[in-house]
């Protein structure tokens, strides 16, 4: 799974939606070509604002959504 976090911006610089999606797709395609299942791990903010989800639709999505307290 491709996992780009807020702290990744510190290392890569804040990528715009197109560039971040391009990077994710490059990773996902390499993983698939190696014979593995590929997907994106992301929170709602990244899904809504940082990725072009239409371009990532062919891949699995692992939603990171955690509650502050057990419920």
PDB file of N, CA and C in Angstrom:
ATOM      1  N   UNK A   1       0.833  -1.195   0.000  1.00  0.00           N
ATOM      2  CA  UNK A   1       0.000   0.000   0.000  1.00  0.00           C
ATOM      3  C   UNK A   1       0.868   1.245   0.000  1.00  0.00           C
ATOM      4  N   UNK A   2       0.446   2.236  -0.783  1.00  0.00           N
ATOM      5  CA  UNK A   2       1.107   3.524  -0.806  1.00  0.00           C
ATOM      6  C   UNK A   2       0.584   4.320   0.384  1.00  0.00           C
ATOM      7  N   UNK A   3       1.482   4.795   1.219  1.00  0.00           N
ATOM      8  CA  UNK A   3       1.115   5.505   2.442  1.00  0.00           C
ATOM      9  C   UNK A   3       1.893   6.808   2.517  1.00  0.00           C
ATOM     10  N   UNK A   4       1.281   7.879   2.051  1.00  0.00           N
ATOM     11  CA  UNK A   4       1.880   9.214   2.096  1.00  0.00           C
ATOM     12  C   UNK A   4       1.204   9.959   3.232  1.00  0.00           C
ATOM     13  N   UNK A   5       1.984  10.401   4.190  1.00  0.00           N
ATOM     14  CA  UNK A   5       1.445  11.031   5.398  1.00  0.00           C
ATOM     15  C   UNK A   5       1.731  12.536   5.411  1.00  0.00           C
ATOM     16  N   UNK A   6       1.115  13.234   6.359  1.00  0.00           N
ATOM     17  CA  UNK A   6       1.383  14.669   6.491  1.00  0.00           C
ATOM     18  C   UNK A   6       2.884  14.921   6.666  1.00  0.00           C
ATOM     19  N   UNK A   7       3.549  14.081   7.436  1.00  0.00           N
ATOM     20  CA  UNK A   7       4.983  14.271   7.666  1.00  0.00           C
ATOM     21  C   UNK A   7       5.784  14.049   6.383  1.00  0.00           C
ATOM     22  N   UNK A   8       5.222  13.337   5.427  1.00  0.00           N
ATOM     23  CA  UNK A   8       5.906  13.135   4.151  1.00  0.00           C
ATOM     24  C   UNK A   8       6.104  14.463   3.434  1.00  0.00           C
ATOM     25  N   UNK A   9       5.201  15.419   3.663  1.00  0.00           N
ATOM     26  CA  UNK A   9       5.352  16.756   3.063  1.00  0.00           C
ATOM     27  C   UNK A   9       6.656  17.416   3.501  1.00  0.00           C
ATOM     28  N   UNK A  10       7.075  17.133   4.719  1.00  0.00           N
ATOM     29  CA  UNK A  10       8.318  17.717   5.228  1.00  0.00           C
ATOM     30  C   UNK A  10       9.506  17.233   4.398  1.00  0.00           C
ATOM     31  N   UNK A  11       9.460  15.984   3.963  1.00  0.00           N
ATOM     32  CA  UNK A  11      10.559  15.402   3.202  1.00  0.00           C
ATOM     33  C   UNK A  11      10.449  15.666   1.705  1.00  0.00           C
ATOM     34  N   UNK A  12       9.248  15.589   1.169  1.00  0.00           N
ATOM     35  CA  UNK A  12       9.056  15.696  -0.278  1.00  0.00           C
ATOM     36  C   UNK A  12       8.630  17.089  -0.719  1.00  0.00           C
ATOM     37  N   UNK A  13       8.262  17.922   0.240  1.00  0.00           N
ATOM     38  CA  UNK A  13       7.633  19.194  -0.113  1.00  0.00           C
ATOM     39  C   UNK A  13       6.163  18.893  -0.358  1.00  0.00           C
ATOM     40  N   UNK A  14       5.301  19.846  -0.088  1.00  0.00           N
ATOM     41  CA  UNK A  14       3.869  19.588  -0.258  1.00  0.00           C
ATOM     42  C   UNK A  14       3.553  19.489  -1.744  1.00  0.00           C
ATOM     43  N   UNK A  15       3.180  18.294  -2.163  1.00  0.00           N
ATOM     44  CA  UNK A  15       2.872  18.043  -3.558  1.00  0.00           C
ATOM     45  C   UNK A  15       1.430  18.428  -3.853  1.00  0.00           C
ATOM     46  N   UNK A  16       1.196  19.022  -5.026  1.00  0.00           N
ATOM     47  CA  UNK A  16      -0.192  19.312  -5.391  1.00  0.00           C
ATOM     48  C   UNK A  16      -0.907  18.000  -5.738  1.00  0.00           C
ATOM     49  N   UNK A  17      -2.215  18.086  -5.929  1.00  0.00           N
ATOM     50  CA  UNK A  17      -3.041  16.887  -6.133  1.00  0.00           C
ATOM     51  C   UNK A  17      -2.555  16.055  -7.316  1.00  0.00           C
ATOM     52  N   UNK A  18      -2.233  16.708  -8.434  1.00  0.00           N
ATOM     53  CA  UNK A  18      -1.790  15.975  -9.615  1.00  0.00           C
ATOM     54  C   UNK A  18      -0.471  15.262  -9.357  1.00  0.00           C
ATOM     55  N   UNK A  19       0.483  15.976  -8.787  1.00  0.00           N
ATOM     56  CA  UNK A  19       1.808  15.388  -8.560  1.00  0.00           C
ATOM     57  C   UNK A  19       1.736  14.241  -7.544  1.00  0.00           C
ATOM     58  N   UNK A  20       1.001  14.427  -6.455  1.00  0.00           N
ATOM     59  CA  UNK A  20       0.889  13.368  -5.455  1.00  0.00           C
ATOM     60  C   UNK A  20       0.217  12.131  -6.062  1.00  0.00           C
ATOM     61  N   UNK A  21      -0.807  12.335  -6.857  1.00  0.00           N
ATOM     62  CA  UNK A  21      -1.467  11.209  -7.515  1.00  0.00           C
ATOM     63  C   UNK A  21      -0.527  10.536  -8.510  1.00  0.00           C
ATOM     64  N   UNK A  22       0.258  11.324  -9.245  1.00  0.00           N
ATOM     65  CA  UNK A  22       1.254  10.767 -10.171  1.00  0.00           C
ATOM     66  C   UNK A  22       2.254   9.881  -9.437  1.00  0.00           C
ATOM     67  N   UNK A  23       2.737  10.347  -8.282  1.00  0.00           N
ATOM     68  CA  UNK A  23       3.710   9.588  -7.489  1.00  0.00           C
ATOM     69  C   UNK A  23       3.066   8.292  -6.992  1.00  0.00           C
ATOM     70  N   UNK A  24       1.845   8.396  -6.493  1.00  0.00           N
ATOM     71  CA  UNK A  24       1.141   7.207  -6.015  1.00  0.00           C
ATOM     72  C   UNK A  24       0.965   6.191  -7.151  1.00  0.00           C
ATOM     73  N   UNK A  25       0.556   6.653  -8.314  1.00  0.00           N
ATOM     74  CA  UNK A  25       0.353   5.758  -9.449  1.00  0.00           C
ATOM     75  C   UNK A  25       1.650   5.092  -9.885  1.00  0.00           C
ATOM     76  N   UNK A  26       2.740   5.824  -9.875  1.00  0.00           N
ATOM     77  CA  UNK A  26       4.038   5.232 -10.244  1.00  0.00           C
ATOM     78  C   UNK A  26       4.378   4.090  -9.282  1.00  0.00           C
ATOM     79  N   UNK A  27       4.176   4.320  -7.991  1.00  0.00           N
ATOM     80  CA  UNK A  27       4.431   3.284  -6.989  1.00  0.00           C
ATOM     81  C   UNK A  27       3.502   2.083  -7.197  1.00  0.00           C
ATOM     82  N   UNK A  28       2.215   2.351  -7.345  1.00  0.00           N
ATOM     83  CA  UNK A  28       1.224   1.288  -7.471  1.00  0.00           C
ATOM     84  C   UNK A  28       1.481   0.419  -8.700  1.00  0.00           C
ATOM     85  N   UNK A  29       1.840   1.043  -9.794  1.00  0.00           N
ATOM     86  CA  UNK A  29       2.123   0.293 -11.028  1.00  0.00           C
ATOM     87  C   UNK A  29       3.345  -0.598 -10.851  1.00  0.00           C
ATOM     88  N   UNK A  30       4.367  -0.108 -10.176  1.00  0.00           N
ATOM     89  CA  UNK A  30       5.570  -0.925  -9.926  1.00  0.00           C
ATOM     90  C   UNK A  30       5.232  -2.135  -9.052  1.00  0.00           C
ATOM     91  N   UNK A  31       4.423  -1.914  -8.045  1.00  0.00           N
ATOM     92  CA  UNK A  31       4.017  -3.012  -7.154  1.00  0.00           C
ATOM     93  C   UNK A  31       3.230  -4.056  -7.941  1.00  0.00           C
ATOM     94  N   UNK A  32       2.297  -3.589  -8.767  1.00  0.00           N
ATOM     95  CA  UNK A  32       1.503  -4.523  -9.577  1.00  0.00           C
ATOM     96  C   UNK A  32       2.373  -5.292 -10.566  1.00  0.00           C
ATOM     97  N   UNK A  33       3.290  -4.605 -11.204  1.00  0.00           N
ATOM     98  CA  UNK A  33       4.169  -5.256 -12.180  1.00  0.00           C
ATOM     99  C   UNK A  33       5.055  -6.310 -11.527  1.00  0.00           C
ATOM    100  N   UNK A  34       5.309  -6.155 -10.239  1.00  0.00           N
ATOM    101  CA  UNK A  34       6.096  -7.142  -9.496  1.00  0.00           C
ATOM    102  C   UNK A  34       5.227  -8.334  -9.062  1.00  0.00           C
ATOM    103  N   UNK A  35       3.939  -8.270  -9.376  1.00  0.00           N
ATOM    104  CA  UNK A  35       3.063  -9.393  -9.087  1.00  0.00           C
ATOM    105  C   UNK A  35       2.292  -9.305  -7.789  1.00  0.00           C
ATOM    106  N   UNK A  36       2.263  -8.123  -7.189  1.00  0.00           N
ATOM    107  CA  UNK A  36       1.564  -7.947  -5.919  1.00  0.00           C
ATOM    108  C   UNK A  36       0.292  -7.124  -6.105  1.00  0.00           C
ATOM    109  N   UNK A  37      -0.621  -7.256  -5.154  1.00  0.00           N
ATOM    110  CA  UNK A  37      -1.817  -6.434  -5.117  1.00  0.00           C
ATOM    111  C   UNK A  37      -1.414  -5.066  -4.577  1.00  0.00           C
ATOM    112  N   UNK A  38      -1.915  -4.008  -5.193  1.00  0.00           N
ATOM    113  CA  UNK A  38      -1.521  -2.654  -4.805  1.00  0.00           C
ATOM    114  C   UNK A  38      -2.726  -1.849  -4.343  1.00  0.00           C
ATOM    115  N   UNK A  39      -2.486  -0.908  -3.446  1.00  0.00           N
ATOM    116  CA  UNK A  39      -3.548  -0.045  -2.968  1.00  0.00           C
ATOM    117  C   UNK A  39      -3.001   1.186  -2.292  1.00  0.00           C
ATOM    118  N   UNK A  40      -3.917   2.056  -1.897  1.00  0.00           N
ATOM    119  CA  UNK A  40      -3.586   3.325  -1.236  1.00  0.00           C
ATOM    120  C   UNK A  40      -4.144   3.298   0.180  1.00  0.00           C
ATOM    121  N   UNK A  41      -3.318   3.700   1.130  1.00  0.00           N
ATOM    122  CA  UNK A  41      -3.724   3.860   2.525  1.00  0.00           C
ATOM    123  C   UNK A  41      -3.810   5.363   2.766  1.00  0.00           C
ATOM    124  N   UNK A  42      -4.987   5.872   3.160  1.00  0.00           N
ATOM    125  CA  UNK A  42      -5.144   7.321   3.309  1.00  0.00           C
ATOM    126  C   UNK A  42      -6.279   7.642   4.271  1.00  0.00           C
ATOM    127  N   UNK A  43      -6.195   8.842   4.835  1.00  0.00           N
ATOM    128  CA  UNK A  43      -7.274   9.340   5.675  1.00  0.00           C
ATOM    129  C   UNK A  43      -8.263  10.145   4.820  1.00  0.00           C
ATOM    130  N   UNK A  44      -9.360  10.581   5.423  1.00  0.00           N
ATOM    131  CA  UNK A  44     -10.395  11.300   4.680  1.00  0.00           C
ATOM    132  C   UNK A  44      -9.895  12.599   4.058  1.00  0.00           C
ATOM    133  N   UNK A  45      -9.020  13.310   4.738  1.00  0.00           N
ATOM    134  CA  UNK A  45      -8.490  14.557   4.187  1.00  0.00           C
ATOM    135  C   UNK A  45      -7.744  14.290   2.882  1.00  0.00           C
ATOM    136  N   UNK A  46      -6.901  13.275   2.882  1.00  0.00           N
ATOM    137  CA  UNK A  46      -6.161  12.959   1.659  1.00  0.00           C
ATOM    138  C   UNK A  46      -7.107  12.491   0.558  1.00  0.00           C
ATOM    139  N   UNK A  47      -8.115  11.706   0.911  1.00  0.00           N
ATOM    140  CA  UNK A  47      -9.076  11.218  -0.077  1.00  0.00           C
ATOM    141  C   UNK A  47      -9.866  12.381  -0.675  1.00  0.00           C
ATOM    142  N   UNK A  48     -10.271  13.298   0.164  1.00  0.00           N
ATOM    143  CA  UNK A  48     -11.102  14.423  -0.303  1.00  0.00           C
ATOM    144  C   UNK A  48     -10.299  15.538  -0.956  1.00  0.00           C
ATOM    145  N   UNK A  49      -9.071  15.771  -0.497  1.00  0.00           N
ATOM    146  CA  UNK A  49      -8.360  16.975  -0.907  1.00  0.00           C
ATOM    147  C   UNK A  49      -6.996  16.789  -1.558  1.00  0.00           C
ATOM    148  N   UNK A  50      -6.336  15.689  -1.297  1.00  0.00           N
ATOM    149  CA  UNK A  50      -4.945  15.559  -1.735  1.00  0.00           C
ATOM    150  C   UNK A  50      -4.752  14.644  -2.934  1.00  0.00           C
ATOM    151  N   UNK A  51      -5.637  13.652  -3.097  1.00  0.00           N
ATOM    152  CA  UNK A  51      -5.534  12.710  -4.211  1.00  0.00           C
ATOM    153  C   UNK A  51      -6.637  12.960  -5.234  1.00  0.00           C
ATOM    154  N   UNK A  52      -6.348  12.654  -6.486  1.00  0.00           N
ATOM    155  CA  UNK A  52      -7.365  12.593  -7.525  1.00  0.00           C
ATOM    156  C   UNK A  52      -7.877  11.158  -7.516  1.00  0.00           C
ATOM    157  N   UNK A  53      -8.927  10.924  -6.745  1.00  0.00           N
ATOM    158  CA  UNK A  53      -9.406   9.563  -6.515  1.00  0.00           C
ATOM    159  C   UNK A  53      -9.951   8.902  -7.778  1.00  0.00           C
ATOM    160  N   UNK A  54     -10.393   9.673  -8.750  1.00  0.00           N
ATOM    161  CA  UNK A  54     -10.860   9.082 -10.004  1.00  0.00           C
ATOM    162  C   UNK A  54      -9.720   8.333 -10.692  1.00  0.00           C
ATOM    163  N   UNK A  55      -8.520   8.864 -10.600  1.00  0.00           N
ATOM    164  CA  UNK A  55      -7.363   8.220 -11.229  1.00  0.00           C
ATOM    165  C   UNK A  55      -6.890   7.003 -10.430  1.00  0.00           C
ATOM    166  N   UNK A  56      -7.205   6.965  -9.137  1.00  0.00           N
ATOM    167  CA  UNK A  56      -6.777   5.859  -8.278  1.00  0.00           C
ATOM    168  C   UNK A  56      -7.849   4.773  -8.154  1.00  0.00           C
ATOM    169  N   UNK A  57      -8.969   4.959  -8.814  1.00  0.00           N
ATOM    170  CA  UNK A  57     -10.105   4.039  -8.688  1.00  0.00           C
ATOM    171  C   UNK A  57      -9.761   2.570  -8.947  1.00  0.00           C
ATOM    172  N   UNK A  58      -8.849   2.248  -9.872  1.00  0.00           N
ATOM    173  CA  UNK A  58      -8.559   0.823 -10.113  1.00  0.00           C
ATOM    174  C   UNK A  58      -7.874   0.108  -8.938  1.00  0.00           C
ATOM    175  N   UNK A  59      -7.447   0.856  -7.954  1.00  0.00           N
ATOM    176  CA  UNK A  59      -6.672   0.277  -6.856  1.00  0.00           C
ATOM    177  C   UNK A  59      -7.498   0.212  -5.575  1.00  0.00           C
ATOM    178  N   UNK A  60      -7.133  -0.724  -4.709  1.00  0.00           N
ATOM    179  CA  UNK A  60      -7.786  -0.841  -3.407  1.00  0.00           C
ATOM    180  C   UNK A  60      -7.519   0.408  -2.571  1.00  0.00           C
ATOM    181  N   UNK A  61      -8.480   0.722  -1.712  1.00  0.00           N
ATOM    182  CA  UNK A  61      -8.341   1.839  -0.783  1.00  0.00           C
ATOM    183  C   UNK A  61      -8.474   1.310   0.630  1.00  0.00           C
ATOM    184  N   UNK A  62      -7.497   1.630   1.449  1.00  0.00           N
ATOM    185  CA  UNK A  62      -7.519   1.290   2.872  1.00  0.00           C
ATOM    186  C   UNK A  62      -7.718   2.612   3.601  1.00  0.00           C
ATOM    187  N   UNK A  63      -8.900   2.824   4.163  1.00  0.00           N
ATOM    188  CA  UNK A  63      -9.236   4.070   4.821  1.00  0.00           C
ATOM    189  C   UNK A  63      -8.723   4.084   6.240  1.00  0.00           C
ATOM    190  N   UNK A  64      -7.918   5.081   6.553  1.00  0.00           N
ATOM    191  CA  UNK A  64      -7.427   5.294   7.908  1.00  0.00           C
ATOM    192  C   UNK A  64      -8.419   6.222   8.606  1.00  0.00           C
ATOM    193  N   UNK A  65      -9.230   5.653   9.460  1.00  0.00           N
ATOM    194  CA  UNK A  65     -10.242   6.451  10.159  1.00  0.00           C
ATOM    195  C   UNK A  65     -10.369   5.899  11.570  1.00  0.00           C
ATOM    196  N   UNK A  66      -9.791   6.610  12.495  1.00  0.00           N
ATOM    197  CA  UNK A  66      -9.717   6.128  13.867  1.00  0.00           C
ATOM    198  C   UNK A  66     -10.511   7.028  14.798  1.00  0.00           C
ATOM    199  N   UNK A  67     -11.174   6.433  15.773  1.00  0.00           N
ATOM    200  CA  UNK A  67     -11.886   7.188  16.803  1.00  0.00           C
ATOM    201  C   UNK A  67     -10.896   7.581  17.895  1.00  0.00           C
ATOM    202  N   UNK A  68     -11.204   8.682  18.556  1.00  0.00           N
ATOM    203  CA  UNK A  68     -10.337   9.134  19.654  1.00  0.00           C
ATOM    204  C   UNK A  68     -10.492   8.261  20.882  1.00  0.00           C
ATOM    205  N   UNK A  69     -11.664   7.674  21.038  1.00  0.00           N
ATOM    206  CA  UNK A  69     -11.867   6.785  22.186  1.00  0.00           C
ATOM    207  C   UNK A  69     -12.552   5.513  21.698  1.00  0.00           C
ATOM    208  N   UNK A  70     -12.308   4.423  22.376  1.00  0.00           N
ATOM    209  CA  UNK A  70     -12.952   3.171  21.959  1.00  0.00           C
ATOM    210  C   UNK A  70     -14.462   3.295  22.043  1.00  0.00           C
ATOM    211  N   UNK A  71     -15.154   2.724  21.099  1.00  0.00           N
ATOM    212  CA  UNK A  71     -16.581   2.873  21.118  1.00  0.00           C
ATOM    213  C   UNK A  71     -17.239   1.657  20.705  1.00  0.00           C
TER     214      UNK A  71
END
